[in-house]
C-alpha atoms as a PDB file:
ATOM      1  CA  MET A   1      -9.158  18.719  34.881  1.00  0.00           C
ATOM      2  CA  SER A   2      -8.848  22.504  34.941  1.00  0.00           C
ATOM      3  CA  ILE A   3     -11.762  24.942  34.752  1.00  0.00           C
ATOM      4  CA  GLN A   4     -10.659  25.869  31.223  1.00  0.00           C
ATOM      5  CA  ASP A   5     -11.056  22.228  30.158  1.00  0.00           C
ATOM      6  CA  ALA A   6     -14.475  21.792  31.816  1.00  0.00           C
ATOM      7  CA  HIS A   7     -16.396  22.699  28.642  1.00  0.00           C
ATOM      8  CA  ILE A   8     -14.495  20.250  26.429  1.00  0.00           C
ATOM      9  CA  PRO A   9     -16.595  17.114  25.987  1.00  0.00           C
ATOM     10  CA  GLN A  10     -14.884  13.865  26.888  1.00  0.00           C
ATOM     11  CA  ILE A  11     -15.616  11.529  24.022  1.00  0.00           C
ATOM     12  CA  ALA A  12     -13.750   8.370  23.117  1.00  0.00           C
ATOM     13  CA  PRO A  13     -13.261   7.973  19.362  1.00  0.00           C
ATOM     14  CA  LEU A  14     -14.745   4.883  17.746  1.00  0.00           C
ATOM     15  CA  HIS A  15     -12.351   3.354  15.227  1.00  0.00           C
ATOM     16  CA  GLY A  16     -13.921   1.561  12.316  1.00  0.00           C
ATOM     17  CA  THR A  17     -13.980   0.849   8.617  1.00  0.00           C
ATOM     18  CA  LEU A  18     -16.299   1.595   5.707  1.00  0.00           C
ATOM     19  CA  LEU A  19     -16.474  -0.273   2.419  1.00  0.00           C
ATOM     20  CA  ALA A  20     -17.319   1.086  -1.003  1.00  0.00           C
ATOM     21  CA  LEU A  21     -18.419  -2.111  -2.722  1.00  0.00           C
ATOM     22  CA  ARG A  22     -18.645  -1.473  -6.460  1.00  0.00           C
ATOM     23  CA  GLN A  23     -20.546  -3.741  -8.788  1.00  0.00           C
ATOM     24  CA  ALA A  24     -20.639  -2.575 -12.408  1.00  0.00           C
ATOM     25  CA  GLU A  25     -21.701   1.086 -12.165  1.00  0.00           C
ATOM     26  CA  CYS A  26     -23.374   0.593  -8.768  1.00  0.00           C
ATOM     27  CA  LEU A  27     -22.528   0.654  -5.071  1.00  0.00           C
ATOM     28  CA  LEU A  28     -23.891  -1.798  -2.523  1.00  0.00           C
ATOM     29  CA  LEU A  29     -25.344   0.177   0.385  1.00  0.00           C
ATOM     30  CA  ILE A  30     -27.142  -0.993   3.521  1.00  0.00           C
ATOM     31  CA  ARG A  31     -30.416   0.440   4.807  1.00  0.00           C
ATOM     32  CA  ARG A  32     -29.577   0.756   8.505  1.00  0.00           C
ATOM     33  CA  THR A  33     -31.889  -0.810  11.076  1.00  0.00           C
ATOM     34  CA  LYS A  34     -30.303   0.801  14.158  1.00  0.00           C
ATOM     35  CA  PRO A  35     -29.310   4.283  15.308  1.00  0.00           C
ATOM     36  CA  PRO A  36     -27.572   6.428  14.466  1.00  0.00           C
ATOM     37  CA  TYR A  37     -28.900   6.887  10.931  1.00  0.00           C
ATOM     38  CA  GLN A  38     -31.661   4.313  11.312  1.00  0.00           C
ATOM     39  CA  GLY A  39     -33.603   3.967   8.047  1.00  0.00           C
ATOM     40  CA  LEU A  40     -30.924   5.630   5.900  1.00  0.00           C
ATOM     41  CA  LEU A  41     -28.687   3.976   3.323  1.00  0.00           C
ATOM     42  CA  GLY A  42     -24.992   3.832   4.141  1.00  0.00           C
ATOM     43  CA  LEU A  43     -21.725   2.206   3.270  1.00  0.00           C
ATOM     44  CA  PRO A  44     -21.236  -1.194   4.905  1.00  0.00           C
ATOM     45  CA  GLY A  45     -18.764  -1.196   7.767  1.00  0.00           C
ATOM     46  CA  GLY A  46     -18.386  -1.066  11.493  1.00  0.00           C
ATOM     47  CA  LYS A  47     -16.141  -0.865  14.523  1.00  0.00           C
ATOM     48  CA  MET A  48     -12.706  -2.409  14.673  1.00  0.00           C
ATOM     49  CA  GLU A  49     -12.211  -5.114  17.287  1.00  0.00           C
ATOM     50  CA  PRO A  50      -9.292  -4.858  19.764  1.00  0.00           C
ATOM     51  CA  GLY A  51      -6.012  -5.753  18.053  1.00  0.00           C
ATOM     52  CA  GLU A  52      -7.594  -5.798  14.590  1.00  0.00           C
ATOM     53  CA  THR A  53      -5.960  -3.967  11.687  1.00  0.00           C
ATOM     54  CA  PRO A  54      -8.113  -1.744   9.469  1.00  0.00           C
ATOM     55  CA  LEU A  55      -7.773  -4.199   6.548  1.00  0.00           C
ATOM     56  CA  ALA A  56      -8.745  -7.176   8.722  1.00  0.00           C
ATOM     57  CA  ALA A  57     -11.741  -5.199  10.020  1.00  0.00           C
ATOM     58  CA  ALA A  58     -12.783  -4.280   6.463  1.00  0.00           C
ATOM     59  CA  ARG A  59     -12.601  -7.917   5.361  1.00  0.00           C
ATOM     60  CA  ARG A  60     -14.557  -9.072   8.429  1.00  0.00           C
ATOM     61  CA  GLU A  61     -17.231  -6.391   7.956  1.00  0.00           C
ATOM     62  CA  MET A  62     -17.566  -7.256   4.251  1.00  0.00           C
ATOM     63  CA  ARG A  63     -18.060 -10.922   5.167  1.00  0.00           C
ATOM     64  CA  GLU A  64     -20.454 -10.220   8.078  1.00  0.00           C
ATOM     65  CA  GLU A  65     -22.607  -7.622   6.337  1.00  0.00           C
ATOM     66  CA  THR A  66     -22.728  -8.994   2.794  1.00  0.00           C
ATOM     67  CA  GLY A  67     -21.501 -12.591   2.995  1.00  0.00           C
ATOM     68  CA  LEU A  68     -18.828 -11.760   0.408  1.00  0.00           C
ATOM     69  CA  ARG A  69     -15.268 -12.956   1.030  1.00  0.00           C
ATOM     70  CA  ARG A  70     -13.546 -11.653  -2.095  1.00  0.00           C
ATOM     71  CA  PRO A  71     -12.008  -9.540  -3.499  1.00  0.00           C
ATOM     72  CA  LYS A  72      -9.487  -8.051  -1.090  1.00  0.00           C
ATOM     73  CA  PRO A  73     -10.461  -4.459  -0.213  1.00  0.00           C
ATOM     74  CA  VAL A  74      -8.031  -1.659  -1.161  1.00  0.00           C
ATOM     75  CA  TRP A  75      -7.466   1.320   1.200  1.00  0.00           C
ATOM     76  CA  LEU A  76      -8.759   4.673  -0.121  1.00  0.00           C
ATOM     77  CA  GLY A  77      -8.317   6.974   2.858  1.00  0.00           C
ATOM     78  CA  ARG A  78      -9.239   7.975   6.412  1.00  0.00           C
ATOM     79  CA  VAL A  79     -12.208  10.019   7.591  1.00  0.00           C
ATOM     80  CA  THR A  80     -12.963  11.630  10.928  1.00  0.00           C
ATOM     81  CA  ASP A  81     -16.612  12.417  11.600  1.00  0.00           C
ATOM     82  CA  LEU A  82     -17.802  14.214  14.728  1.00  0.00           C
ATOM     83  CA  LEU A  83     -21.513  13.498  15.191  1.00  0.00           C
ATOM     84  CA  ILE A  84     -23.313  16.223  17.148  1.00  0.00           C
ATOM     85  CA  ASP A  85     -26.743  15.314  18.476  1.00  0.00           C
ATOM     86  CA  GLY A  86     -28.292  17.995  20.641  1.00  0.00           C
ATOM     87  CA  LYS A  87     -25.960  20.410  22.427  1.00  0.00           C
ATOM     88  CA  SER A  88     -22.979  18.106  22.686  1.00  0.00           C
ATOM     89  CA  PRO A  89     -21.107  15.556  20.595  1.00  0.00           C
ATOM     90  CA  TYR A  90     -22.624  12.104  20.423  1.00  0.00           C
ATOM     91  CA  ALA A  91     -19.680  10.268  18.883  1.00  0.00           C
ATOM     92  CA  MET A  92     -16.371  10.729  17.100  1.00  0.00           C
ATOM     93  CA  PHE A  93     -15.729   8.233  14.330  1.00  0.00           C
ATOM     94  CA  ILE A  94     -12.286   7.559  12.858  1.00  0.00           C
ATOM     95  CA  LEU A  95     -12.909   5.498   9.750  1.00  0.00           C
ATOM     96  CA  ASP A  96     -10.565   3.830   7.307  1.00  0.00           C
ATOM     97  CA  VAL A  97     -12.326   3.643   3.943  1.00  0.00           C
ATOM     98  CA  PHE A  98     -11.766   0.721   1.587  1.00  0.00           C
ATOM     99  CA  GLU A  99     -13.007  -0.166  -1.865  1.00  0.00           C
ATOM    100  CA  ALA A 100     -13.603  -3.523  -3.511  1.00  0.00           C
ATOM    101  CA  THR A 101     -14.820  -4.187  -7.028  1.00  0.00           C
ATOM    102  CA  LEU A 102     -17.185  -7.136  -7.157  1.00  0.00           C
ATOM    103  CA  PRO A 103     -17.872  -9.334 -10.165  1.00  0.00           C
ATOM    104  CA  GLU A 104     -21.264  -8.609 -11.731  1.00  0.00           C
ATOM    105  CA  LYS A 105     -22.572 -12.030 -10.808  1.00  0.00           C
ATOM    106  CA  ALA A 106     -21.476 -11.867  -7.148  1.00  0.00           C
ATOM    107  CA  LEU A 107     -24.527 -12.067  -4.919  1.00  0.00           C
ATOM    108  CA  SER A 108     -24.649 -10.680  -1.413  1.00  0.00           C
ATOM    109  CA  GLN A 109     -26.636 -12.242   1.395  1.00  0.00           C
ATOM    110  CA  PRO A 110     -29.111 -10.452   3.665  1.00  0.00           C
ATOM    111  CA  SER A 111     -27.387  -8.494   6.431  1.00  0.00           C
ATOM    112  CA  PHE A 112     -28.210  -8.289  10.125  1.00  0.00           C
ATOM    113  CA  GLU A 113     -27.392  -4.575   9.788  1.00  0.00           C
ATOM    114  CA  GLY A 114     -30.172  -4.000   7.262  1.00  0.00           C
ATOM    115  CA  THR A 115     -31.286  -4.580   3.689  1.00  0.00           C
ATOM    116  CA  ILE A 116     -28.590  -4.470   1.011  1.00  0.00           C
ATOM    117  CA  VAL A 117     -29.518  -2.051  -1.789  1.00  0.00           C
ATOM    118  CA  ARG A 118     -27.736  -1.809  -5.151  1.00  0.00           C
ATOM    119  CA  VAL A 119     -27.619   1.902  -6.061  1.00  0.00           C
ATOM    120  CA  PRO A 120     -26.420   3.085  -9.491  1.00  0.00           C
ATOM    121  CA  LEU A 121     -23.715   5.758  -9.138  1.00  0.00           C
ATOM    122  CA  ALA A 122     -25.721   7.998 -11.482  1.00  0.00           C
ATOM    123  CA  ASP A 123     -28.683   7.878  -9.040  1.00  0.00           C
ATOM    124  CA  LEU A 124     -26.742   9.058  -5.967  1.00  0.00           C
ATOM    125  CA  PRO A 125     -27.672  12.768  -6.329  1.00  0.00           C
ATOM    126  CA  ASP A 126     -31.384  11.900  -6.643  1.00  0.00           C
ATOM    127  CA  ARG A 127     -31.233   9.810  -3.456  1.00  0.00           C
ATOM    128  CA  ARG A 128     -29.555  12.531  -1.376  1.00  0.00           C
ATOM    129  CA  GLY A 129     -32.165  12.489   1.444  1.00  0.00           C
ATOM    130  CA  GLU A 130     -32.072   8.698   1.621  1.00  0.00           C
ATOM    131  CA  ILE A 131     -28.296   8.293   2.148  1.00  0.00           C
ATOM    132  CA  ILE A 132     -26.267   9.168   5.255  1.00  0.00           C
ATOM    133  CA  PRO A 133     -24.908  12.670   4.427  1.00  0.00           C
ATOM    134  CA  ALA A 134     -21.359  11.876   5.601  1.00  0.00           C
ATOM    135  CA  ASP A 135     -21.337   8.755   3.425  1.00  0.00           C
ATOM    136  CA  LEU A 136     -22.336  10.866   0.402  1.00  0.00           C
ATOM    137  CA  GLN A 137     -19.300  13.108   1.005  1.00  0.00           C
ATOM    138  CA  ILE A 138     -17.063  10.057   1.408  1.00  0.00           C
ATOM    139  CA  ILE A 139     -18.426   8.446  -1.762  1.00  0.00           C
ATOM    140  CA  ARG A 140     -18.023  11.659  -3.757  1.00  0.00           C
ATOM    141  CA  ARG A 141     -14.543  12.660  -2.584  1.00  0.00           C
ATOM    142  CA  LEU A 142     -12.784   9.343  -1.939  1.00  0.00           C
ATOM    143  CA  VAL A 143     -14.582   6.881  -4.230  1.00  0.00           C
ATOM    144  CA  ILE A 144     -15.737   8.834  -7.302  1.00  0.00           C
ATOM    145  CA  GLU A 145     -13.479  11.911  -7.563  1.00  0.00           C
ATOM    146  CA  ARG A 146     -10.460  10.423  -5.755  1.00  0.00           C
ATOM    147  CA  SER A 147      -9.809  14.025  -4.647  1.00  0.00           C
ATOM    148  CA  ALA A 148      -8.878  13.200  -1.033  1.00  0.00           C
ATOM    149  CA  THR A 149      -7.333  10.523   1.142  1.00  0.00           C
ATOM    150  CA  MET A 150      -8.068  12.419   4.370  1.00  0.00           C
ATOM    151  CA  LEU A 151     -11.440  13.970   5.131  1.00  0.00           C
ATOM    152  CA  ASP A 152     -12.643  15.694   8.312  1.00  0.00           C
ATOM    153  CA  LEU A 153     -16.412  15.985   8.771  1.00  0.00           C
ATOM    154  CA  VAL A 154     -18.859  17.315  11.342  1.00  0.00           C
ATOM    155  CA  THR A 155     -22.348  15.823  11.176  1.00  0.00           C
ATOM    156  CA  ILE A 156     -25.103  17.706  12.990  1.00  0.00           C
ATOM    157  CA  SER A 157     -28.419  16.086  13.872  1.00  0.00           C
ATOM    158  CA  GLU A 158     -31.317  18.408  13.080  1.00  0.00           C
ATOM    159  CA  ASP A 159     -35.099  18.048  13.418  1.00  0.00           C
ATOM    160  CA  ASP A 160     -35.447  17.118   9.747  1.00  0.00           C
ATOM    161  CA  GLY A 161     -32.371  14.882   9.439  1.00  0.00           C
ATOM    162  CA  TYR A 162     -28.624  15.393   9.356  1.00  0.00           C
ATOM    163  CA  LYS A 163     -26.385  18.098   7.941  1.00  0.00           C
ATOM    164  CA  VAL A 164     -22.701  17.450   7.206  1.00  0.00           C
ATOM    165  CA  GLU A 165     -19.922  19.999   7.000  1.00  0.00           C
ATOM    166  CA  VAL A 166     -16.467  19.387   5.590  1.00  0.00           C
ATOM    167  CA  ILE A 167     -13.843  21.103   7.770  1.00  0.00           C
END
């Protein structure tokens, strides 16, 4: 490593998936029990396992976090999110985002990741401080507006929560 490269943080990207699970005019979100974002609502999802495709990971995460096996998720786009906590990056997430529309009567099971919460789409702006800021951007741009299939974010941890910037 050269002296010029000494200030560049060495961070291995974490590849994962997120799921926008729609039910009627609602999304199923999970209140996270572990860091980062402990206590906040977020899209279900997680890390890809070695050799796993994004679709296989999305299906596995949907099954593990909600108990739901159907329908087959549809790819919406890819997001990069650099999480900065303190003076240096904490993590770099590369996330494939999927969507699945659930029948109204489909019931999810409790998740080891946290409590599943059914949030009406109309209520999302009012719950801004309760939802992971990056997930709000993803929901708005990829799920609701369909205005992007690629989204680059920087999330900065601050004393009073998180701030997200679209780059």
